[in-house]
């Protein structure tokens, strides 16, 4: 932040600034008594409505900010074996533009300590330290709302060269692994082919300390950002990565040890989120053998406490339990529509550089030159799923998030509101939901495989600024994005889809971050917006589509008062 006394609007993903403390809370994340499907759905929808910002009132949050209760952004486990990971400055060298060409895949390296270390370094590790007199804070390759970082990561691996098999917590502060579980003898027998699992969990308290009841939303955004960061990093190394569907939340808790509540402070427990298999797409480890080996293994370590005082936000515990995934069968993989390869980026910038330079802009130049049209179209193309192309191939479902674009300054495009529906079926349904004030026009000079439609001409900057909690950064950019979700149809399949909609939005957000950097501009995620005011403007009369995340891209203004230093002493 430009100043540690400045309070950002709730929900702005400003990881370029140190977080601001707020009165703490107590959140229950214990295993929920099974609700009926109807009750779980009711709780989920009620939470979503309750946590909408409105012109008349913001969602419930802390009444004041208490610096003494600021939670640490880093969790560690006392009493564990520490494995120091090697650093690889400048790597991976594979050009960023080649990540999107399946014909230019690298031969995958072997899974060993060095390669796994690089995966973690450029996906979940620190990217830099920022400072000015009296303040110092870290940045990471995966962004977070308010730079609070509720997402924790675990490595679940067989015996590798340089690393014994087991369950490890990744501590990004020092780029080390903390060994949490020494599994039983059947451990290596569970691994059918080379690969590792990255597990993600959430500490809701870190976000709710500042953002109150809306924090659950932001934690799920951050899971999506982390998923995309892991997928991009694995692609740069030549590995595949996909979500392990059908491995339910109880399994995730057992594999990560987050169900061992006695080893975590009551107010700061970790909620299971998702497992990512990095290896061959159809050769994940044997789940039952892994769990058996974990259960007969030995757990070590006790989680650090992040804050001395806590306040309870009951609705977060309720929606956490209501949206738990208790399923066991796997879900069918999604086969995306065939599309031409993405256009190359001439600069040939290494992917490692793009991963590490990703930032959230704090200010944009309102007088900046327009964005060239080819750069804008490249960014749009990168949001469309392609088979075997990161980051969307990490997801196992058809697109359910569809960008609404507010174009301000793009060469060759009229200012106005545009729709990029990522599936034809949804485009038809979305257009039917709009009021009669909107039309659907083809955009001249846009390739036919980019489904961009002009909905309304005109200058929308003041509207978007007011919509995004009156933040100037939303209107002084080159273009802004509102991510519309297939809300009702998704929740009919199960309340756990509430999480996944936010994950997908976060994956889009991470793609926008990296594409902006590659285009020589910068992005920032915006979680603070007036939900129903946008829906009303569009003419929505139902909850079929809901906006879950906003984003903006522009030419940043640097703050000369800030100093940047390397993420790690030897980097």
Protein backbone atom coordinates (compact mmCIF):
# COMPACT_ATOMS: atom_id res chain seq x y z
CA UNK A 1 0.00 0.00 0.00
CA UNK A 2 1.19 3.52 -0.57
CA UNK A 3 0.62 4.13 3.12
CA UNK A 4 0.03 1.73 5.99
CA UNK A 5 -2.64 4.11 7.25
CA UNK A 6 -4.65 3.86 4.05
CA UNK A 7 -7.66 1.51 4.08
CA UNK A 8 -8.39 -0.06 0.73
CA UNK A 9 -11.97 -0.70 -0.34
CA UNK A 10 -13.04 -4.11 0.86
CA UNK A 11 -12.13 -6.86 -1.55
CA UNK A 12 -9.57 -5.18 -3.78
CA UNK A 13 -6.90 -7.72 -4.66
CA UNK A 14 -4.07 -5.32 -3.95
CA UNK A 15 -1.22 -7.72 -3.29
CA UNK A 16 1.20 -4.93 -4.06
CA UNK A 17 0.38 -3.40 -0.69
CA UNK A 18 0.78 -4.64 2.88
CA UNK A 19 -2.45 -5.91 4.42
CA UNK A 20 -4.45 -3.83 6.88
CA UNK A 21 -5.47 -5.25 10.20
CA UNK A 22 -9.03 -5.54 11.41
CA UNK A 23 -10.76 -6.82 14.52
CA UNK A 24 -10.33 -10.58 14.58
CA UNK A 25 -12.95 -13.30 14.54
CA UNK A 26 -13.63 -16.90 15.35
CA UNK A 27 -14.64 -19.18 12.52
CA UNK A 28 -15.66 -22.80 12.95
CA UNK A 29 -14.41 -25.13 10.24
CA UNK A 30 -15.11 -28.43 11.95
CA UNK A 31 -16.69 -31.22 9.93
CA UNK A 32 -20.31 -30.35 9.41
CA UNK A 33 -23.23 -32.49 10.41
CA UNK A 34 -24.71 -33.46 7.08
CA UNK A 35 -27.40 -31.02 6.05
CA UNK A 36 -30.08 -32.16 3.71
CA UNK A 37 -29.36 -31.07 0.16
CA UNK A 38 -32.22 -28.59 0.38
CA UNK A 39 -30.96 -27.03 3.61
CA UNK A 40 -27.38 -26.80 2.33
CA UNK A 41 -28.61 -25.07 -0.82
CA UNK A 42 -30.72 -22.66 1.21
CA UNK A 43 -27.74 -21.76 3.42
CA UNK A 44 -25.50 -21.23 0.39
CA UNK A 45 -27.94 -18.96 -1.41
CA UNK A 46 -28.70 -17.05 1.79
CA UNK A 47 -24.98 -16.45 2.34
CA UNK A 48 -24.58 -15.16 -1.21
CA UNK A 49 -27.46 -12.70 -0.83
CA UNK A 50 -26.38 -11.62 2.63
CA UNK A 51 -22.84 -10.82 1.54
CA UNK A 52 -23.68 -8.62 -1.42
CA UNK A 53 -22.45 -5.05 -1.28
CA UNK A 54 -25.22 -2.57 -2.06
CA UNK A 55 -25.39 1.16 -2.61
CA UNK A 56 -27.34 1.34 0.64
CA UNK A 57 -24.91 -0.73 2.74
CA UNK A 58 -21.77 -2.82 2.51
CA UNK A 59 -21.72 -6.46 3.58
CA UNK A 60 -21.03 -6.91 7.29
CA UNK A 61 -17.40 -6.44 8.26
CA UNK A 62 -15.22 -5.25 11.14
CA UNK A 63 -16.31 -1.95 12.65
CA UNK A 64 -12.71 -0.90 13.22
CA UNK A 65 -9.17 -2.07 12.42
CA UNK A 66 -6.96 -3.35 15.22
CA UNK A 67 -3.26 -3.64 14.39
CA UNK A 68 -2.59 -5.83 17.41
CA UNK A 69 -4.74 -8.57 15.89
CA UNK A 70 -3.24 -8.57 12.41
CA UNK A 71 -2.82 -12.25 11.42
CA UNK A 72 0.49 -13.49 10.13
CA UNK A 73 0.42 -14.26 6.40
CA UNK A 74 2.69 -17.27 6.96
CA UNK A 75 1.81 -20.51 8.74
CA UNK A 76 4.52 -22.78 10.04
CA UNK A 77 4.56 -26.06 11.97
CA UNK A 78 6.78 -26.39 15.04
CA UNK A 79 8.43 -29.75 15.65
CA UNK A 80 8.78 -30.84 12.03
CA UNK A 81 11.73 -31.81 9.87
CA UNK A 82 12.68 -28.90 7.59
CA UNK A 83 13.76 -29.54 4.00
CA UNK A 84 15.38 -26.52 2.41
CA UNK A 85 14.56 -26.17 -1.26
CA UNK A 86 17.00 -24.97 -3.93
CA UNK A 87 16.23 -21.69 -5.68
CA UNK A 88 16.25 -21.30 -9.45
CA UNK A 89 16.41 -17.58 -10.35
CA UNK A 90 15.42 -16.92 -13.95
CA UNK A 91 13.86 -20.33 -14.52
CA UNK A 92 11.82 -21.65 -16.23
CA UNK A 93 13.36 -20.30 -19.44
CA UNK A 94 10.59 -21.58 -21.70
CA UNK A 95 9.05 -18.55 -23.45
CA UNK A 96 5.71 -17.57 -21.99
CA UNK A 97 3.99 -17.63 -25.41
CA UNK A 98 5.02 -21.27 -25.92
CA UNK A 99 3.00 -22.41 -22.90
CA UNK A 100 -0.11 -22.19 -25.09
CA UNK A 101 1.18 -24.27 -28.01
CA UNK A 102 0.72 -28.02 -27.40
CA UNK A 103 3.24 -28.70 -30.18
CA UNK A 104 5.98 -26.93 -28.21
CA UNK A 105 5.78 -28.89 -24.97
CA UNK A 106 9.07 -29.43 -23.18
CA UNK A 107 10.18 -32.97 -22.44
CA UNK A 108 9.09 -33.23 -18.81
CA UNK A 109 11.88 -33.35 -16.25
CA UNK A 110 12.03 -36.13 -13.69
CA UNK A 111 10.25 -35.52 -10.42
CA UNK A 112 12.99 -34.73 -7.94
CA UNK A 113 13.72 -32.16 -5.25
CA UNK A 114 14.99 -29.53 -7.71
CA UNK A 115 12.08 -29.75 -10.18
CA UNK A 116 9.41 -29.82 -7.48
CA UNK A 117 11.14 -26.89 -5.79
CA UNK A 118 10.94 -24.84 -9.00
CA UNK A 119 7.26 -25.72 -9.40
CA UNK A 120 6.50 -24.36 -5.92
CA UNK A 121 8.80 -21.35 -6.28
CA UNK A 122 7.11 -19.91 -9.38
CA UNK A 123 3.54 -20.79 -8.44
CA UNK A 124 3.15 -20.32 -4.69
CA UNK A 125 6.45 -18.79 -3.62
CA UNK A 126 7.48 -15.20 -2.95
CA UNK A 127 8.22 -13.01 -5.95
CA UNK A 128 9.66 -9.92 -4.21
CA UNK A 129 9.69 -7.78 -1.08
CA UNK A 130 8.43 -4.21 -1.11
CA UNK A 131 9.35 -1.59 1.46
CA UNK A 132 9.33 2.05 2.39
CA UNK A 133 10.40 3.62 5.70
CA UNK A 134 8.72 1.78 8.56
CA UNK A 135 7.07 -0.98 6.50
CA UNK A 136 8.09 -4.11 4.59
CA UNK A 137 5.86 -6.74 2.97
CA UNK A 138 6.17 -9.65 0.59
CA UNK A 139 4.60 -10.31 -2.78
CA UNK A 140 3.81 -13.76 -4.15
CA UNK A 141 3.43 -15.35 -7.54
CA UNK A 142 -0.19 -16.17 -6.64
CA UNK A 143 -2.25 -13.04 -5.85
CA UNK A 144 -4.53 -12.63 -2.87
CA UNK A 145 -7.29 -10.24 -1.86
CA UNK A 146 -5.65 -7.56 0.25
CA UNK A 147 -2.36 -9.52 0.20
CA UNK A 148 -3.74 -11.60 3.09
CA UNK A 149 -3.04 -15.05 1.60
CA UNK A 150 -5.52 -17.43 3.18
CA UNK A 151 -4.41 -20.28 0.89
CA UNK A 152 -2.03 -22.87 2.32
CA UNK A 153 -0.28 -25.51 0.20
CA UNK A 154 0.85 -29.07 0.87
CA UNK A 155 3.02 -31.37 -1.20
CA UNK A 156 2.04 -35.04 -1.19
CA UNK A 157 4.79 -37.04 -2.87
CA UNK A 158 6.34 -40.52 -3.19
CA UNK A 159 10.03 -41.07 -2.64
CA UNK A 160 11.88 -38.72 -4.99
CA UNK A 161 15.54 -38.11 -5.61
CA UNK A 162 16.51 -35.80 -2.75
CA UNK A 163 13.15 -36.07 -0.96
CA UNK A 164 11.60 -38.84 1.12
CA UNK A 165 7.96 -39.62 0.43
CA UNK A 166 5.29 -38.12 2.67
CA UNK A 167 3.10 -35.10 3.30
CA UNK A 168 4.81 -31.71 3.51
CA UNK A 169 3.59 -28.21 4.25
CA UNK A 170 5.08 -25.56 1.96
CA UNK A 171 6.29 -22.48 3.82
CA UNK A 172 6.74 -19.81 1.16
CA UNK A 173 8.42 -17.35 3.55
CA UNK A 174 11.62 -19.42 3.60
CA UNK A 175 10.94 -21.64 0.56
CA UNK A 176 11.09 -24.79 2.65
CA UNK A 177 9.05 -27.94 3.15
CA UNK A 178 7.92 -28.95 6.64
CA UNK A 179 7.39 -32.69 6.91
CA UNK A 180 3.98 -33.33 8.43
CA UNK A 181 3.47 -37.06 7.89
CA UNK A 182 5.84 -40.01 7.64
CA UNK A 183 3.56 -42.56 5.96
CA UNK A 184 3.31 -46.31 6.35
CA UNK A 185 5.17 -48.90 4.29
CA UNK A 186 2.48 -49.15 1.59
CA UNK A 187 3.01 -45.51 0.58
CA UNK A 188 5.14 -45.93 -2.54
CA UNK A 189 2.89 -48.73 -3.77
CA UNK A 190 0.06 -46.23 -4.17
CA UNK A 191 1.92 -44.28 -6.87
CA UNK A 192 1.29 -45.90 -10.23
CA UNK A 193 3.32 -43.44 -12.32
CA UNK A 194 5.65 -40.50 -11.57
CA UNK A 195 3.94 -37.44 -10.20
CA UNK A 196 3.05 -35.45 -7.10
CA UNK A 197 -0.07 -33.94 -5.57
CA UNK A 198 -0.41 -30.31 -4.52
CA UNK A 199 -3.17 -29.78 -1.95
CA UNK A 200 -4.72 -26.38 -1.23
CA UNK A 201 -6.51 -25.40 1.97
CA UNK A 202 -7.96 -22.12 3.27
CA UNK A 203 -7.66 -20.25 6.56
CA UNK A 204 -10.80 -18.14 6.46
CA UNK A 205 -9.71 -16.09 9.41
CA UNK A 206 -6.99 -14.34 7.44
CA UNK A 207 -9.53 -12.77 5.08
CA UNK A 208 -12.41 -12.31 7.50
CA UNK A 209 -10.17 -10.35 9.85
CA UNK A 210 -10.43 -7.50 7.35
CA UNK A 211 -13.38 -8.34 5.12
CA UNK A 212 -15.86 -9.88 7.53
CA UNK A 213 -18.65 -12.01 6.13
CA UNK A 214 -17.69 -11.58 2.47
CA UNK A 215 -14.31 -13.20 3.15
CA UNK A 216 -15.44 -16.70 2.17
CA UNK A 217 -15.87 -15.43 -1.39
CA UNK A 218 -12.35 -14.04 -1.50
CA UNK A 219 -10.82 -17.22 -0.12
CA UNK A 220 -12.36 -19.12 -3.02
CA UNK A 221 -11.05 -16.53 -5.50
CA UNK A 222 -7.59 -17.10 -4.07
CA UNK A 223 -7.90 -20.88 -4.49
CA UNK A 224 -8.65 -20.23 -8.17
CA UNK A 225 -5.62 -17.96 -8.52
CA UNK A 226 -3.44 -20.62 -6.90
CA UNK A 227 -4.85 -23.36 -9.16
CA UNK A 228 -3.96 -21.35 -12.25
CA UNK A 229 -0.52 -20.48 -10.89
CA UNK A 230 0.22 -24.18 -10.30
CA UNK A 231 -1.03 -25.06 -13.78
CA UNK A 232 1.06 -22.39 -15.50
CA UNK A 233 4.15 -23.45 -13.57
CA UNK A 234 3.65 -27.14 -14.35
CA UNK A 235 3.18 -26.32 -18.05
CA UNK A 236 6.43 -24.36 -18.09
CA UNK A 237 8.16 -27.48 -16.77
CA UNK A 238 6.46 -29.80 -19.24
CA UNK A 239 4.03 -31.47 -16.82
CA UNK A 240 0.26 -31.95 -17.00
CA UNK A 241 -1.93 -30.91 -14.08
CA UNK A 242 -5.58 -31.46 -13.28
CA UNK A 243 -7.96 -31.27 -10.36
CA UNK A 244 -8.58 -34.63 -8.71
CA UNK A 245 -12.35 -34.86 -8.98
CA UNK A 246 -14.06 -37.36 -6.74
CA UNK A 247 -11.49 -37.02 -3.96
CA UNK A 248 -13.91 -35.51 -1.50
CA UNK A 249 -13.24 -33.02 1.27
CA UNK A 250 -12.93 -35.66 3.98
CA UNK A 251 -10.20 -37.32 1.91
CA UNK A 252 -8.40 -33.99 1.47
CA UNK A 253 -8.54 -33.38 5.23
CA UNK A 254 -7.09 -36.82 5.99
CA UNK A 255 -4.29 -36.48 3.44
CA UNK A 256 -3.27 -33.00 4.63
CA UNK A 257 -3.84 -33.58 8.35
CA UNK A 258 -6.19 -30.63 8.57
CA UNK A 259 -8.73 -32.88 10.31
CA UNK A 260 -6.29 -33.13 13.25
CA UNK A 261 -7.88 -30.21 15.05
CA UNK A 262 -5.80 -30.69 18.17
CA UNK A 263 -2.76 -29.50 16.20
CA UNK A 264 -4.36 -26.24 15.05
CA UNK A 265 -5.53 -23.19 17.02
CA UNK A 266 -9.32 -23.42 17.28
CA UNK A 267 -9.91 -20.11 15.58
CA UNK A 268 -7.43 -20.70 12.75
CA UNK A 269 -8.15 -24.16 11.42
CA UNK A 270 -7.69 -24.95 7.76
CA UNK A 271 -10.57 -25.89 5.48
CA UNK A 272 -9.91 -28.49 2.75
CA UNK A 273 -10.29 -27.13 -0.75
CA UNK A 274 -8.78 -29.10 -3.65
CA UNK A 275 -6.11 -31.56 -4.76
CA UNK A 276 -4.11 -31.14 -7.98
CA UNK A 277 -2.47 -34.14 -9.60
CA UNK A 278 0.71 -33.24 -11.48
CA UNK A 279 1.63 -36.09 -13.80
CA UNK A 280 -0.19 -38.17 -16.41
CA UNK A 281 -3.87 -37.24 -16.66
CA UNK A 282 -5.23 -40.77 -16.16
CA UNK A 283 -2.65 -42.19 -13.78
CA UNK A 284 -3.31 -40.55 -10.41
CA UNK A 285 -2.26 -42.47 -7.29
CA UNK A 286 -4.50 -45.07 -5.69
CA UNK A 287 -6.63 -43.06 -3.28
CA UNK A 288 -7.44 -45.85 -0.83
CA UNK A 289 -3.79 -46.90 -0.55
CA UNK A 290 -2.70 -43.31 0.08
CA UNK A 291 -5.25 -42.85 2.84
CA UNK A 292 -4.34 -46.19 4.39
CA UNK A 293 -0.65 -45.32 4.41
CA UNK A 294 -1.37 -41.90 5.90
CA UNK A 295 -3.58 -43.36 8.62
CA UNK A 296 -0.89 -45.81 9.72
CA UNK A 297 1.85 -43.21 9.44
CA UNK A 298 3.15 -40.70 11.99
CA UNK A 299 2.08 -37.08 12.12
CA UNK A 300 4.46 -34.39 13.34
CA UNK A 301 4.19 -30.69 14.07
CA UNK A 302 1.88 -28.14 15.59
CA UNK A 303 0.46 -25.21 13.63
CA UNK A 304 1.54 -21.70 14.55
CA UNK A 305 -1.00 -19.21 15.83
CA UNK A 306 -1.49 -16.11 13.74
CA UNK A 307 -3.40 -13.77 16.05
CA UNK A 308 -3.95 -13.32 19.76
CA UNK A 309 -7.65 -12.41 19.60
CA UNK A 310 -10.57 -13.61 17.52
CA UNK A 311 -14.14 -12.69 16.73
CA UNK A 312 -16.77 -15.09 15.43
CA UNK A 313 -18.43 -14.65 12.03
CA UNK A 314 -20.96 -17.44 12.19
CA UNK A 315 -22.12 -17.31 8.57
CA UNK A 316 -18.67 -18.23 7.25
CA UNK A 317 -18.67 -21.46 9.22
CA UNK A 318 -22.19 -22.14 8.01
CA UNK A 319 -21.44 -21.67 4.31
CA UNK A 320 -18.20 -23.61 4.65
CA UNK A 321 -20.08 -26.63 5.97
CA UNK A 322 -22.98 -26.25 3.53
CA UNK A 323 -20.67 -26.22 0.50
CA UNK A 324 -18.52 -29.18 1.49
CA UNK A 325 -18.08 -31.79 -1.25
CA UNK A 326 -19.01 -35.18 0.17
CA UNK A 327 -19.08 -36.95 -3.18
CA UNK A 328 -16.89 -39.88 -4.11
CA UNK A 329 -17.41 -40.70 -7.83
CA UNK A 330 -15.27 -38.93 -10.37
CA UNK A 331 -16.90 -36.49 -12.75
CA UNK A 332 -16.46 -36.62 -16.54
CA UNK A 333 -13.68 -34.55 -18.02
CA UNK A 334 -14.58 -31.63 -20.26
CA UNK A 335 -13.45 -31.59 -23.90
CA UNK A 336 -13.18 -27.95 -25.04
CA UNK A 337 -14.08 -26.74 -28.49
CA UNK A 338 -11.26 -26.82 -31.01
CA UNK A 339 -9.79 -23.37 -31.63
CA UNK A 340 -6.78 -22.07 -33.53
CA UNK A 341 -3.54 -21.69 -31.54
CA UNK A 342 -3.06 -18.44 -29.69
CA UNK A 343 -1.02 -15.83 -31.57
CA UNK A 344 2.60 -15.58 -30.52
CA UNK A 345 3.94 -12.81 -28.33
CA UNK A 346 6.96 -11.48 -30.28
CA UNK A 347 9.11 -10.60 -27.27
CA UNK A 348 9.77 -14.22 -26.30
CA UNK A 349 9.87 -13.31 -22.60
CA UNK A 350 10.69 -16.34 -20.41
CA UNK A 351 7.73 -17.71 -18.48
CA UNK A 352 9.70 -17.52 -15.23
CA UNK A 353 10.04 -13.77 -15.69
CA UNK A 354 6.31 -13.31 -16.30
CA UNK A 355 5.42 -15.45 -13.27
CA UNK A 356 7.69 -13.46 -10.97
CA UNK A 357 6.84 -9.96 -12.24
CA UNK A 358 3.06 -10.38 -11.85
CA UNK A 359 1.72 -7.56 -9.68
CA UNK A 360 -1.54 -5.91 -8.79
CA UNK A 361 -1.56 -2.35 -10.01
CA UNK A 362 -2.28 0.31 -7.39
CA UNK A 363 -2.93 3.21 -9.78
CA UNK A 364 -3.46 3.58 -13.51
CA UNK A 365 -2.57 6.46 -15.82
CA UNK A 366 -5.91 7.90 -17.00
CA UNK A 367 -4.11 9.64 -19.88
CA UNK A 368 -2.33 6.55 -21.14
CA UNK A 369 -2.17 5.51 -24.76
CA UNK A 370 -4.84 3.01 -25.89
CA UNK A 371 -4.12 -0.70 -25.86
CA UNK A 372 -3.32 -2.00 -29.36
CA UNK A 373 -6.14 -4.13 -30.72
CA UNK A 374 -3.95 -7.24 -31.35
CA UNK A 375 -2.85 -7.20 -27.70
CA UNK A 376 -6.46 -6.92 -26.54
CA UNK A 377 -7.58 -9.80 -28.77
CA UNK A 378 -4.68 -11.95 -27.54
CA UNK A 379 -5.83 -11.37 -23.95
CA UNK A 380 -9.37 -12.40 -24.91
CA UNK A 381 -8.15 -15.51 -26.71
CA UNK A 382 -6.21 -16.56 -23.63
CA UNK A 383 -9.51 -16.65 -21.70
CA UNK A 384 -10.98 -19.30 -24.00
CA UNK A 385 -10.44 -22.97 -23.07
CA UNK A 386 -8.38 -25.13 -25.42
CA UNK A 387 -7.54 -28.78 -25.14
CA UNK A 388 -4.23 -29.35 -23.41
CA UNK A 389 -3.61 -25.61 -22.96
CA UNK A 390 -3.15 -23.93 -19.56
CA UNK A 391 -4.64 -22.79 -17.37
CA UNK A 392 -8.21 -23.94 -18.08
CA UNK A 393 -7.29 -27.56 -18.72
CA UNK A 394 -6.73 -27.90 -14.98
CA UNK A 395 -10.51 -27.64 -14.58
CA UNK A 396 -12.74 -30.62 -15.34
CA UNK A 397 -15.93 -28.83 -16.33
CA UNK A 398 -17.34 -26.75 -19.16
CA UNK A 399 -16.97 -22.95 -18.79
CA UNK A 400 -19.37 -21.40 -16.29
CA UNK A 401 -17.77 -17.95 -16.01
CA UNK A 402 -18.31 -15.48 -18.85
CA UNK A 403 -16.59 -12.06 -19.02
CA UNK A 404 -18.52 -8.86 -19.50
CA UNK A 405 -16.02 -6.29 -20.80
CA UNK A 406 -16.18 -2.53 -20.39
CA UNK A 407 -13.87 -1.16 -23.07
CA UNK A 408 -12.51 2.35 -22.55
CA UNK A 409 -9.34 2.71 -24.63
CA UNK A 410 -8.60 -0.06 -27.12
CA UNK A 411 -7.45 0.81 -30.64
CA UNK A 412 -10.06 0.03 -33.27
CA UNK A 413 -12.87 -0.75 -30.79
CA UNK A 414 -15.73 1.51 -29.84
CA UNK A 415 -16.02 2.28 -26.13
CA UNK A 416 -18.85 0.27 -24.70
CA UNK A 417 -20.00 -2.93 -23.05
CA UNK A 418 -19.05 -6.25 -24.68
CA UNK A 419 -19.75 -9.91 -23.92
CA UNK A 420 -17.26 -12.77 -24.28
CA UNK A 421 -19.43 -15.84 -23.73
CA UNK A 422 -17.12 -18.84 -23.37
CA UNK A 423 -19.77 -21.29 -24.61
CA UNK A 424 -22.46 -20.83 -27.26
CA UNK A 425 -25.27 -22.27 -25.15
CA UNK A 426 -24.60 -19.83 -22.36
CA UNK A 427 -24.35 -16.92 -24.79
CA UNK A 428 -27.89 -17.58 -26.01
CA UNK A 429 -29.22 -17.83 -22.46
CA UNK A 430 -27.35 -14.75 -21.31
CA UNK A 431 -28.56 -12.62 -24.20
CA UNK A 432 -32.15 -13.67 -23.47
CA UNK A 433 -31.69 -12.47 -19.89
CA UNK A 434 -30.65 -8.95 -20.90
CA UNK A 435 -33.10 -6.08 -21.00
CA UNK A 436 -34.32 -4.70 -24.31
CA UNK A 437 -31.81 -1.83 -23.96
CA UNK A 438 -29.04 -4.17 -25.09
CA UNK A 439 -28.36 -5.47 -28.58
CA UNK A 440 -26.01 -8.19 -29.76
CA UNK A 441 -23.74 -7.04 -32.57
CA UNK A 442 -20.83 -8.74 -34.25
CA UNK A 443 -17.57 -6.83 -33.83
CA UNK A 444 -15.80 -5.96 -37.05
CA UNK A 445 -12.20 -7.08 -37.36
CA UNK A 446 -12.45 -9.79 -34.71
CA UNK A 447 -11.67 -13.38 -35.78
CA UNK A 448 -14.78 -15.59 -35.83
CA UNK A 449 -13.41 -17.99 -33.20
CA UNK A 450 -13.40 -15.14 -30.64
CA UNK A 451 -17.08 -14.85 -29.58
CA UNK A 452 -16.96 -11.14 -28.79
CA UNK A 453 -20.29 -9.30 -29.04
CA UNK A 454 -21.02 -5.60 -28.63
CA UNK A 455 -23.95 -5.12 -26.24
CA UNK A 456 -24.04 -1.35 -25.76
CA UNK A 457 -22.04 1.58 -27.08
CA UNK A 458 -20.90 4.47 -24.94
CA UNK A 459 -18.59 5.65 -22.19
CA UNK A 460 -19.13 3.42 -19.12
CA UNK A 461 -16.26 4.68 -16.97
CA UNK A 462 -18.31 6.57 -14.39
CA UNK A 463 -20.76 3.69 -14.14
CA UNK A 464 -18.01 1.13 -13.57
CA UNK A 465 -16.26 3.34 -11.06
CA UNK A 466 -19.45 3.64 -9.02
CA UNK A 467 -20.13 -0.05 -9.49
CA UNK A 468 -16.71 -1.02 -8.10
CA UNK A 469 -17.24 0.68 -4.76
CA UNK A 470 -16.30 4.02 -6.33
CA UNK A 471 -12.67 3.00 -6.86
CA UNK A 472 -10.89 5.19 -9.41
CA UNK A 473 -8.73 2.26 -10.50
CA UNK A 474 -11.81 0.67 -12.10
CA UNK A 475 -12.35 3.60 -14.47
CA UNK A 476 -8.84 4.93 -15.17
CA UNK A 477 -7.75 1.75 -16.89
CA UNK A 478 -7.91 0.58 -20.51
CA UNK A 479 -10.73 -1.88 -19.93
CA UNK A 480 -12.56 -3.55 -17.04
CA UNK A 481 -14.15 -6.96 -16.63
CA UNK A 482 -17.14 -8.31 -14.71
CA UNK A 483 -17.25 -12.11 -14.49
CA UNK A 484 -20.78 -13.47 -14.85
CA UNK A 485 -21.41 -16.96 -13.51
CA UNK A 486 -23.98 -19.61 -14.42
CA UNK A 487 -25.25 -19.42 -10.88
CA UNK A 488 -28.62 -21.14 -10.53
CA UNK A 489 -27.93 -24.02 -12.90
CA UNK A 490 -24.64 -24.76 -11.16
CA UNK A 491 -26.05 -24.76 -7.65
CA UNK A 492 -28.80 -27.14 -8.75
CA UNK A 493 -26.03 -29.73 -9.21
CA UNK A 494 -24.90 -29.24 -5.62
CA UNK A 495 -24.01 -26.42 -3.21
CA UNK A 496 -20.32 -27.28 -3.54
CA UNK A 497 -20.49 -25.66 -6.99
CA UNK A 498 -20.55 -22.33 -5.17
CA UNK A 499 -16.86 -22.78 -4.41
CA UNK A 500 -16.01 -23.91 -7.91
CA UNK A 501 -17.62 -20.93 -9.58
CA UNK A 502 -15.29 -18.69 -7.60
CA UNK A 503 -12.35 -20.97 -8.42
CA UNK A 504 -13.03 -20.63 -12.13
CA UNK A 505 -13.31 -16.85 -11.75
CA UNK A 506 -9.94 -16.88 -9.99
CA UNK A 507 -8.40 -18.93 -12.81
CA UNK A 508 -9.61 -16.28 -15.28
CA UNK A 509 -8.19 -13.62 -13.00
CA UNK A 510 -4.74 -15.23 -12.97
CA UNK A 511 -4.81 -15.50 -16.76
CA UNK A 512 -5.66 -11.80 -16.99
CA UNK A 513 -2.80 -10.96 -14.63
CA UNK A 514 -0.20 -12.82 -16.70
CA UNK A 515 -1.57 -11.75 -20.07
CA UNK A 516 -1.51 -8.14 -18.96
CA UNK A 517 2.15 -8.46 -17.96
CA UNK A 518 2.98 -10.10 -21.29
CA UNK A 519 1.25 -7.22 -23.11
CA UNK A 520 3.28 -4.61 -21.23
CA UNK A 521 0.39 -3.41 -19.07
CA UNK A 522 -0.89 -4.51 -15.64
CA UNK A 523 -4.05 -5.82 -14.01
CA UNK A 524 -5.69 -5.87 -10.63
CA UNK A 525 -8.54 -7.93 -9.25
CA UNK A 526 -11.48 -6.16 -7.64
CA UNK A 527 -13.65 -7.98 -5.13
CA UNK A 528 -15.52 -4.90 -3.94
CA UNK A 529 -18.47 -4.18 -6.22
CA UNK A 530 -22.20 -3.67 -5.91
CA UNK A 531 -23.53 -7.02 -7.02
CA UNK A 532 -27.19 -6.39 -7.75
CA UNK A 533 -26.63 -2.93 -9.17
CA UNK A 534 -24.80 -4.55 -12.07
CA UNK A 535 -27.51 -7.20 -12.40
CA UNK A 536 -30.18 -4.51 -12.46
CA UNK A 537 -28.30 -2.48 -15.07
CA UNK A 538 -28.17 -5.57 -17.28
CA UNK A 539 -31.87 -6.20 -16.77
CA UNK A 540 -31.56 -9.56 -15.00
CA UNK A 541 -34.86 -10.53 -13.41
CA UNK A 542 -33.66 -13.82 -11.93
CA UNK A 543 -30.56 -15.18 -10.18
CA UNK A 544 -29.62 -17.32 -13.19
CA UNK A 545 -26.47 -15.23 -13.67
CA UNK A 546 -24.50 -13.57 -10.89
CA UNK A 547 -21.35 -11.47 -11.02
CA UNK A 548 -18.64 -12.99 -8.81
CA UNK A 549 -15.42 -11.10 -9.55
CA UNK A 550 -14.29 -7.91 -11.25
CA UNK A 551 -10.98 -7.04 -12.85
CA UNK A 552 -9.34 -4.09 -14.55
CA UNK A 553 -6.33 -3.70 -16.86
CA UNK A 554 -4.39 -0.53 -17.55
CA UNK A 555 -1.03 1.21 -17.71
CA UNK A 556 0.28 1.44 -14.15
CA UNK A 557 1.78 4.42 -12.39
CA UNK A 558 4.75 3.43 -10.25
CA UNK A 559 5.24 4.78 -6.75
CA UNK A 560 8.85 6.03 -6.53
CA UNK A 561 8.76 5.80 -2.73
CA UNK A 562 8.68 2.00 -2.83
CA UNK A 563 11.81 -0.12 -2.89
CA UNK A 564 11.90 -3.65 -4.28
CA UNK A 565 14.22 -6.40 -3.08
CA UNK A 566 14.62 -10.09 -4.02
CA UNK A 567 12.18 -12.65 -2.59
CA UNK A 568 14.91 -14.74 -0.95
CA UNK A 569 18.40 -13.82 0.27
CA UNK A 570 20.22 -15.79 -2.44
CA UNK A 571 17.76 -15.05 -5.28
